[in-house]
């Protein structure tokens, strides 16, 4: 028998069954899958943000249904229907009573803001700053036009309405039976990972309910408080400013800055004393919300650093537009919950593992 027959041939690096080739193929497949995932996220930015918005809306509906269940021992479907009908009735009643006044005030506010911006531009030119009011307007328009992919996709009125309806319908379906969809996601995971998934999902749901509850309370306090205090001080368009302040309160940091600018501009249009009073009202409302409402409700659940939230808003606003601004806070809160729960699971696993060198 020849020496070649006695020698056992080993696979070369050109063969797929070579350990080296298999190892490199696994590494390449991981990077290839990661690249595909990033590309899909970029291409599917609009539906992903709409789904995320639906989850946030469903969380708000679920929170209202749970609260109603403490006083009404009826089925979940009936409680959810009451919450939805109550929300629609409140919005319809509010816009029915204030619709014509708000439309007139909105047109007047636009004129006032443009006039105030022109005055500020002229004052800056007197100080030697070359910025003109047209530059400020173009800067604002560029900021709005530079919003991300989702804003471009839903930029038209029809697109915005269609997206809102789709988001609302999806949120209602999820809120009707959230456990059904939770079990569906868990079914796609390995058996050993399902318990950890349920734990993370429950904590995320609890955190989002607390966050949204605090946000709604803050919006109500800021909107109603701003309206009553501005109305008592004789500030023009107190009702519209109150509604805008309440709506912008959904956006931490950025929303308060926008509402504050509007309040101050409209206040100073009626005189220096009125402007100073409006600025004082803005500070008082923000202090009450920042030091009483947020610490009592939302901060206990999330405890997010303001700089982290602001950075996330800038990033998500640039990537996904206005809807990214609205969803930056909930997304960061869910990421924080996932990282915390993941860290706890790893610590528990490391603690349960016997130390190396022991007889156990």
Protein backbone atom coordinates (compact mmCIF):
# COMPACT_ATOMS: atom_id res chain seq x y z
CA UNK A 1 0.00 0.00 0.00
CA UNK A 2 1.47 3.36 -0.99
CA UNK A 3 2.27 6.20 1.39
CA UNK A 4 -0.50 8.28 -0.21
CA UNK A 5 -3.11 5.68 0.75
CA UNK A 6 -1.91 5.59 4.36
CA UNK A 7 -1.98 9.41 4.63
CA UNK A 8 -5.34 10.93 5.71
CA UNK A 9 -6.11 14.01 3.64
CA UNK A 10 -7.29 17.10 5.55
CA UNK A 11 -9.71 19.58 3.92
CA UNK A 12 -8.00 22.61 2.40
CA UNK A 13 -9.03 26.22 2.89
CA UNK A 14 -10.88 26.21 -0.45
CA UNK A 15 -13.37 23.57 0.76
CA UNK A 16 -16.60 24.65 2.51
CA UNK A 17 -16.23 21.92 5.16
CA UNK A 18 -12.94 23.41 6.25
CA UNK A 19 -13.21 24.75 9.83
CA UNK A 20 -11.49 27.95 8.75
CA UNK A 21 -13.92 28.52 5.89
CA UNK A 22 -16.94 27.75 8.10
CA UNK A 23 -15.72 30.16 10.76
CA UNK A 24 -15.20 32.95 8.23
CA UNK A 25 -18.56 32.26 6.62
CA UNK A 26 -20.28 32.60 9.99
CA UNK A 27 -18.54 35.91 10.64
CA UNK A 28 -19.40 37.17 7.15
CA UNK A 29 -23.04 36.11 7.52
CA UNK A 30 -23.35 38.08 10.78
CA UNK A 31 -22.08 41.26 9.15
CA UNK A 32 -24.18 40.64 6.05
CA UNK A 33 -27.31 40.18 8.18
CA UNK A 34 -26.48 43.34 10.13
CA UNK A 35 -26.12 45.32 6.91
CA UNK A 36 -29.47 43.99 5.66
CA UNK A 37 -31.13 44.89 8.97
CA UNK A 38 -29.79 48.46 8.81
CA UNK A 39 -30.93 48.80 5.20
CA UNK A 40 -34.41 47.53 6.07
CA UNK A 41 -34.67 49.96 8.98
CA UNK A 42 -33.77 52.84 6.67
CA UNK A 43 -36.19 51.74 3.94
CA UNK A 44 -39.00 50.90 6.37
CA UNK A 45 -38.64 54.01 8.52
CA UNK A 46 -42.21 55.16 7.93
CA UNK A 47 -44.05 51.91 8.82
CA UNK A 48 -41.72 51.28 11.77
CA UNK A 49 -42.48 54.73 13.23
CA UNK A 50 -46.20 54.26 12.60
CA UNK A 51 -46.11 50.90 14.41
CA UNK A 52 -44.18 52.50 17.26
CA UNK A 53 -46.73 55.30 17.44
CA UNK A 54 -49.53 52.74 17.49
CA UNK A 55 -47.84 50.97 20.41
CA UNK A 56 -47.66 54.25 22.34
CA UNK A 57 -51.34 54.99 21.61
CA UNK A 58 -52.27 51.44 22.60
CA UNK A 59 -50.39 51.91 25.87
CA UNK A 60 -52.40 55.06 26.60
CA UNK A 61 -55.66 53.25 25.82
CA UNK A 62 -54.60 50.29 27.96
CA UNK A 63 -53.73 52.60 30.84
CA UNK A 64 -57.14 54.27 30.70
CA UNK A 65 -58.84 50.87 30.51
CA UNK A 66 -56.93 49.62 33.56
CA UNK A 67 -57.79 52.75 35.56
CA UNK A 68 -61.46 52.45 34.62
CA UNK A 69 -61.39 48.81 35.70
CA UNK A 70 -60.77 49.90 39.30
CA UNK A 71 -64.22 51.52 39.49
CA UNK A 72 -66.21 49.63 36.84
CA UNK A 73 -66.19 45.81 37.13
CA UNK A 74 -67.17 45.20 33.50
CA UNK A 75 -65.45 43.53 30.56
CA UNK A 76 -62.27 44.95 29.10
CA UNK A 77 -63.87 45.58 25.71
CA UNK A 78 -66.60 47.73 27.23
CA UNK A 79 -64.08 49.71 29.28
CA UNK A 80 -61.94 50.32 26.21
CA UNK A 81 -65.02 51.48 24.28
CA UNK A 82 -65.86 53.93 27.07
CA UNK A 83 -62.32 55.33 27.01
CA UNK A 84 -62.37 55.78 23.21
CA UNK A 85 -65.84 57.33 23.16
CA UNK A 86 -64.92 59.66 26.01
CA UNK A 87 -61.75 60.83 24.24
CA UNK A 88 -63.58 61.42 20.94
CA UNK A 89 -66.44 63.22 22.69
CA UNK A 90 -64.03 65.48 24.58
CA UNK A 91 -62.13 66.44 21.43
CA UNK A 92 -65.31 67.02 19.43
CA UNK A 93 -66.87 69.10 22.22
CA UNK A 94 -63.72 71.19 22.63
CA UNK A 95 -63.33 71.96 18.94
CA UNK A 96 -67.07 72.57 18.56
CA UNK A 97 -67.06 75.24 21.26
CA UNK A 98 -63.77 76.87 20.36
CA UNK A 99 -63.43 76.05 16.68
CA UNK A 100 -64.36 79.42 15.18
CA UNK A 101 -62.56 81.41 17.86
CA UNK A 102 -59.42 79.29 17.56
CA UNK A 103 -59.34 79.65 13.77
CA UNK A 104 -59.54 83.43 14.04
CA UNK A 105 -56.96 83.48 16.84
CA UNK A 106 -54.59 81.25 14.86
CA UNK A 107 -54.65 83.66 11.92
CA UNK A 108 -54.14 86.63 14.25
CA UNK A 109 -51.31 84.83 16.06
CA UNK A 110 -49.50 84.23 12.79
CA UNK A 111 -49.64 87.94 12.03
CA UNK A 112 -48.43 88.83 15.52
CA UNK A 113 -45.55 86.36 15.41
CA UNK A 114 -44.42 87.62 11.99
CA UNK A 115 -44.60 91.22 13.24
CA UNK A 116 -42.63 90.38 16.37
CA UNK A 117 -39.99 88.50 14.37
CA UNK A 118 -39.63 91.54 12.10
CA UNK A 119 -39.22 93.82 15.14
CA UNK A 120 -36.60 91.48 16.64
CA UNK A 121 -34.75 91.40 13.33
CA UNK A 122 -34.73 95.18 13.13
CA UNK A 123 -33.49 95.44 16.73
CA UNK A 124 -30.70 92.96 15.98
CA UNK A 125 -29.68 94.99 12.92
CA UNK A 126 -29.43 98.09 15.10
CA UNK A 127 -27.04 96.18 17.36
CA UNK A 128 -24.86 95.34 14.38
CA UNK A 129 -26.10 91.78 13.77
CA UNK A 130 -26.50 91.24 10.04
CA UNK A 131 -29.26 88.64 10.41
CA UNK A 132 -32.50 89.79 8.81
CA UNK A 133 -36.07 88.66 9.51
CA UNK A 134 -36.07 86.88 6.15
CA UNK A 135 -33.03 84.90 7.33
CA UNK A 136 -34.93 83.83 10.45
CA UNK A 137 -37.93 82.76 8.38
CA UNK A 138 -35.77 80.84 5.91
CA UNK A 139 -33.97 79.16 8.80
CA UNK A 140 -37.28 77.99 10.25
CA UNK A 141 -38.49 76.74 6.87
CA UNK A 142 -35.22 74.89 6.29
CA UNK A 143 -35.50 73.26 9.70
CA UNK A 144 -38.99 72.03 8.86
CA UNK A 145 -38.01 70.90 5.37
CA UNK A 146 -34.95 69.01 6.64
CA UNK A 147 -37.04 66.66 8.75
CA UNK A 148 -36.58 62.98 8.09
CA UNK A 149 -38.02 60.29 5.88
CA UNK A 150 -41.31 59.90 7.72
CA UNK A 151 -42.11 63.61 7.46
CA UNK A 152 -41.43 63.47 3.74
CA UNK A 153 -43.74 60.48 3.42
CA UNK A 154 -46.62 62.01 5.39
CA UNK A 155 -45.97 65.62 4.45
CA UNK A 156 -49.24 66.06 2.59
CA UNK A 157 -52.57 66.45 4.36
CA UNK A 158 -53.89 63.23 2.83
CA UNK A 159 -50.77 61.33 3.87
CA UNK A 160 -50.95 62.69 7.41
CA UNK A 161 -54.63 61.76 7.79
CA UNK A 162 -54.08 58.30 6.31
CA UNK A 163 -51.12 57.65 8.60
CA UNK A 164 -53.05 58.86 11.64
CA UNK A 165 -56.02 56.61 10.82
CA UNK A 166 -53.78 53.59 10.28
CA UNK A 167 -51.97 54.27 13.53
CA UNK A 168 -55.24 54.64 15.43
CA UNK A 169 -56.78 51.46 14.00
CA UNK A 170 -53.64 49.45 14.75
CA UNK A 171 -53.54 50.86 18.29
CA UNK A 172 -57.18 49.86 18.90
CA UNK A 173 -56.54 46.30 17.72
CA UNK A 174 -53.52 46.02 20.01
CA UNK A 175 -55.34 47.57 22.97
CA UNK A 176 -58.29 45.17 22.66
CA UNK A 177 -56.15 42.15 23.59
CA UNK A 178 -52.47 43.07 24.09
CA UNK A 179 -51.58 39.67 25.58
CA UNK A 180 -52.51 37.99 22.30
CA UNK A 181 -49.83 39.91 20.40
CA UNK A 182 -47.36 39.49 23.25
CA UNK A 183 -47.77 35.71 23.07
CA UNK A 184 -47.43 35.87 19.29
CA UNK A 185 -44.05 37.58 19.54
CA UNK A 186 -42.94 35.19 22.28
CA UNK A 187 -43.91 32.21 20.10
CA UNK A 188 -41.19 33.20 17.62
CA UNK A 189 -38.52 33.07 20.34
CA UNK A 190 -36.76 30.01 21.77
CA UNK A 191 -38.44 28.41 24.79
CA UNK A 192 -35.65 29.37 27.17
CA UNK A 193 -35.91 33.05 26.15
CA UNK A 194 -39.67 33.47 26.52
CA UNK A 195 -39.71 34.00 30.27
CA UNK A 196 -37.17 36.80 29.96
CA UNK A 197 -39.20 38.32 27.10
CA UNK A 198 -42.40 38.35 29.17
CA UNK A 199 -40.54 40.04 32.02
CA UNK A 200 -39.17 42.74 29.73
CA UNK A 201 -42.54 43.25 28.02
CA UNK A 202 -44.35 43.67 31.36
CA UNK A 203 -41.76 46.19 32.58
CA UNK A 204 -41.90 48.10 29.30
CA UNK A 205 -45.68 48.23 29.44
CA UNK A 206 -45.64 49.47 33.04
CA UNK A 207 -43.01 52.10 32.22
CA UNK A 208 -44.86 53.38 29.15
CA UNK A 209 -48.16 53.57 31.04
CA UNK A 210 -46.54 55.62 33.80
CA UNK A 211 -44.74 57.80 31.26
CA UNK A 212 -47.86 58.48 29.20
CA UNK A 213 -49.98 59.06 32.31
CA UNK A 214 -47.48 61.63 33.52
CA UNK A 215 -47.40 63.20 30.07
CA UNK A 216 -51.20 63.54 29.95
CA UNK A 217 -51.29 65.03 33.44
CA UNK A 218 -48.52 67.45 32.49
CA UNK A 219 -50.30 68.44 29.27
CA UNK A 220 -53.53 69.10 31.18
CA UNK A 221 -51.86 71.12 33.92
CA UNK A 222 -49.78 73.19 31.51
CA UNK A 223 -52.62 73.78 29.05
CA UNK A 224 -55.34 74.67 31.55
CA UNK A 225 -52.97 76.57 33.84
CA UNK A 226 -51.55 78.64 30.99
CA UNK A 227 -55.02 79.42 29.64
CA UNK A 228 -56.47 80.54 33.00
CA UNK A 229 -53.44 82.59 34.07
CA UNK A 230 -53.06 84.30 30.70
CA UNK A 231 -56.79 84.98 30.57
CA UNK A 232 -56.70 86.48 34.06
CA UNK A 233 -53.80 88.75 33.05
CA UNK A 234 -55.48 89.97 29.88
CA UNK A 235 -52.98 88.35 27.50
CA UNK A 236 -54.40 88.05 23.97
CA UNK A 237 -55.35 84.62 22.60
CA UNK A 238 -55.14 82.93 25.99
CA UNK A 239 -57.27 79.99 24.83
CA UNK A 240 -55.17 79.21 21.77
CA UNK A 241 -51.92 79.62 23.73
CA UNK A 242 -53.25 77.25 26.39
CA UNK A 243 -54.13 74.59 23.83
CA UNK A 244 -50.78 74.94 22.06
CA UNK A 245 -48.91 74.79 25.37
CA UNK A 246 -50.78 71.62 26.31
CA UNK A 247 -50.05 69.98 22.97
CA UNK A 248 -46.38 70.97 22.98
CA UNK A 249 -46.06 69.62 26.52
CA UNK A 250 -46.03 66.15 24.96
CA UNK A 251 -42.53 67.02 23.71
CA UNK A 252 -40.16 67.32 26.68
CA UNK A 253 -37.62 70.16 26.47
CA UNK A 254 -38.30 71.21 22.88
CA UNK A 255 -42.06 71.62 23.36
CA UNK A 256 -41.67 73.93 26.35
CA UNK A 257 -39.21 76.11 24.41
CA UNK A 258 -41.59 76.47 21.45
CA UNK A 259 -44.61 77.27 23.63
CA UNK A 260 -42.54 79.72 25.69
CA UNK A 261 -41.47 81.61 22.57
CA UNK A 262 -45.07 81.88 21.39
CA UNK A 263 -46.31 83.05 24.80
CA UNK A 264 -43.61 85.71 25.11
CA UNK A 265 -44.06 86.98 21.53
CA UNK A 266 -47.83 87.31 21.89
CA UNK A 267 -47.50 88.80 25.38
CA UNK A 268 -45.08 91.55 24.35
CA UNK A 269 -47.31 92.40 21.39
CA UNK A 270 -49.79 93.82 23.96
CA UNK A 271 -47.14 95.80 25.87
CA UNK A 272 -44.10 95.38 28.02
CA UNK A 273 -46.05 94.77 31.24
CA UNK A 274 -48.22 92.14 29.57
CA UNK A 275 -45.15 90.52 28.06
CA UNK A 276 -43.40 90.31 31.43
CA UNK A 277 -46.57 88.87 32.97
CA UNK A 278 -46.81 86.26 30.20
CA UNK A 279 -43.17 85.33 30.74
CA UNK A 280 -43.85 84.95 34.48
CA UNK A 281 -46.83 82.70 33.73
CA UNK A 282 -44.67 80.54 31.50
CA UNK A 283 -42.01 80.17 34.20
CA UNK A 284 -44.59 79.36 36.89
CA UNK A 285 -46.28 76.68 34.79
CA UNK A 286 -42.98 75.09 33.82
CA UNK A 287 -41.78 75.05 37.43
CA UNK A 288 -44.99 73.36 38.60
CA UNK A 289 -44.76 70.75 35.86
CA UNK A 290 -41.00 70.20 36.16
CA UNK A 291 -40.75 70.07 39.93
CA UNK A 292 -44.13 68.59 40.93
CA UNK A 293 -45.83 66.67 38.11
CA UNK A 294 -42.81 65.03 36.46
CA UNK A 295 -41.07 63.90 39.69
CA UNK A 296 -44.32 62.50 41.11
CA UNK A 297 -45.43 60.55 38.06
CA UNK A 298 -43.08 60.11 35.11
CA UNK A 299 -39.60 60.38 36.60
CA UNK A 300 -40.24 57.57 39.07
CA UNK A 301 -40.97 55.25 36.18
CA UNK A 302 -38.25 56.29 33.73
CA UNK A 303 -35.71 58.60 35.42
CA UNK A 304 -34.34 59.76 32.07
CA UNK A 305 -31.66 62.42 32.04
CA UNK A 306 -32.85 65.61 30.28
CA UNK A 307 -29.73 65.77 28.11
CA UNK A 308 -30.32 62.17 26.99
CA UNK A 309 -33.93 62.94 26.02
CA UNK A 310 -32.93 66.13 24.20
CA UNK A 311 -30.18 64.31 22.31
CA UNK A 312 -32.61 61.56 21.33
CA UNK A 313 -35.12 64.16 20.12
CA UNK A 314 -32.48 65.81 17.94
CA UNK A 315 -31.42 62.45 16.51
CA UNK A 316 -34.90 61.02 15.93
CA UNK A 317 -36.15 64.36 14.65
CA UNK A 318 -33.40 64.44 12.02
CA UNK A 319 -33.98 60.80 11.05
CA UNK A 320 -37.76 60.47 11.25
CA UNK A 321 -39.17 64.00 11.39
CA UNK A 322 -41.97 65.22 13.64
CA UNK A 323 -43.14 61.76 14.59
CA UNK A 324 -39.57 61.02 15.67
CA UNK A 325 -39.73 64.00 18.02
CA UNK A 326 -42.97 62.71 19.55
CA UNK A 327 -41.67 59.15 19.97
CA UNK A 328 -38.10 59.87 21.07
CA UNK A 329 -38.94 59.82 24.78
CA UNK A 330 -40.91 56.52 24.74
CA UNK A 331 -38.29 54.83 22.55
CA UNK A 332 -35.46 55.87 24.87
CA UNK A 333 -37.49 54.70 27.87
CA UNK A 334 -38.03 51.26 26.31
CA UNK A 335 -34.35 50.95 25.39
CA UNK A 336 -33.44 51.83 28.97
CA UNK A 337 -35.83 49.19 30.34
CA UNK A 338 -34.42 46.54 27.99
CA UNK A 339 -30.82 47.31 28.95
CA UNK A 340 -31.66 47.28 32.67
CA UNK A 341 -33.54 43.99 32.49
CA UNK A 342 -30.82 42.46 30.32
CA UNK A 343 -28.20 43.52 32.83
CA UNK A 344 -30.21 42.03 35.71
CA UNK A 345 -30.59 38.74 33.85
CA UNK A 346 -26.86 38.55 33.14
CA UNK A 347 -26.03 39.33 36.77
CA UNK A 348 -28.45 36.65 37.98
CA UNK A 349 -26.99 34.15 35.54
CA UNK A 350 -23.45 34.99 36.65
CA UNK A 351 -24.45 34.69 40.31
CA UNK A 352 -26.07 31.30 39.79
CA UNK A 353 -23.00 29.93 38.01
CA UNK A 354 -20.55 28.19 40.41
CA UNK A 355 -17.12 29.81 40.61
CA UNK A 356 -14.33 28.22 38.60
CA UNK A 357 -12.24 25.70 40.51
CA UNK A 358 -15.04 24.70 42.91
CA UNK A 359 -16.13 21.11 43.42
CA UNK A 360 -19.75 21.93 42.69
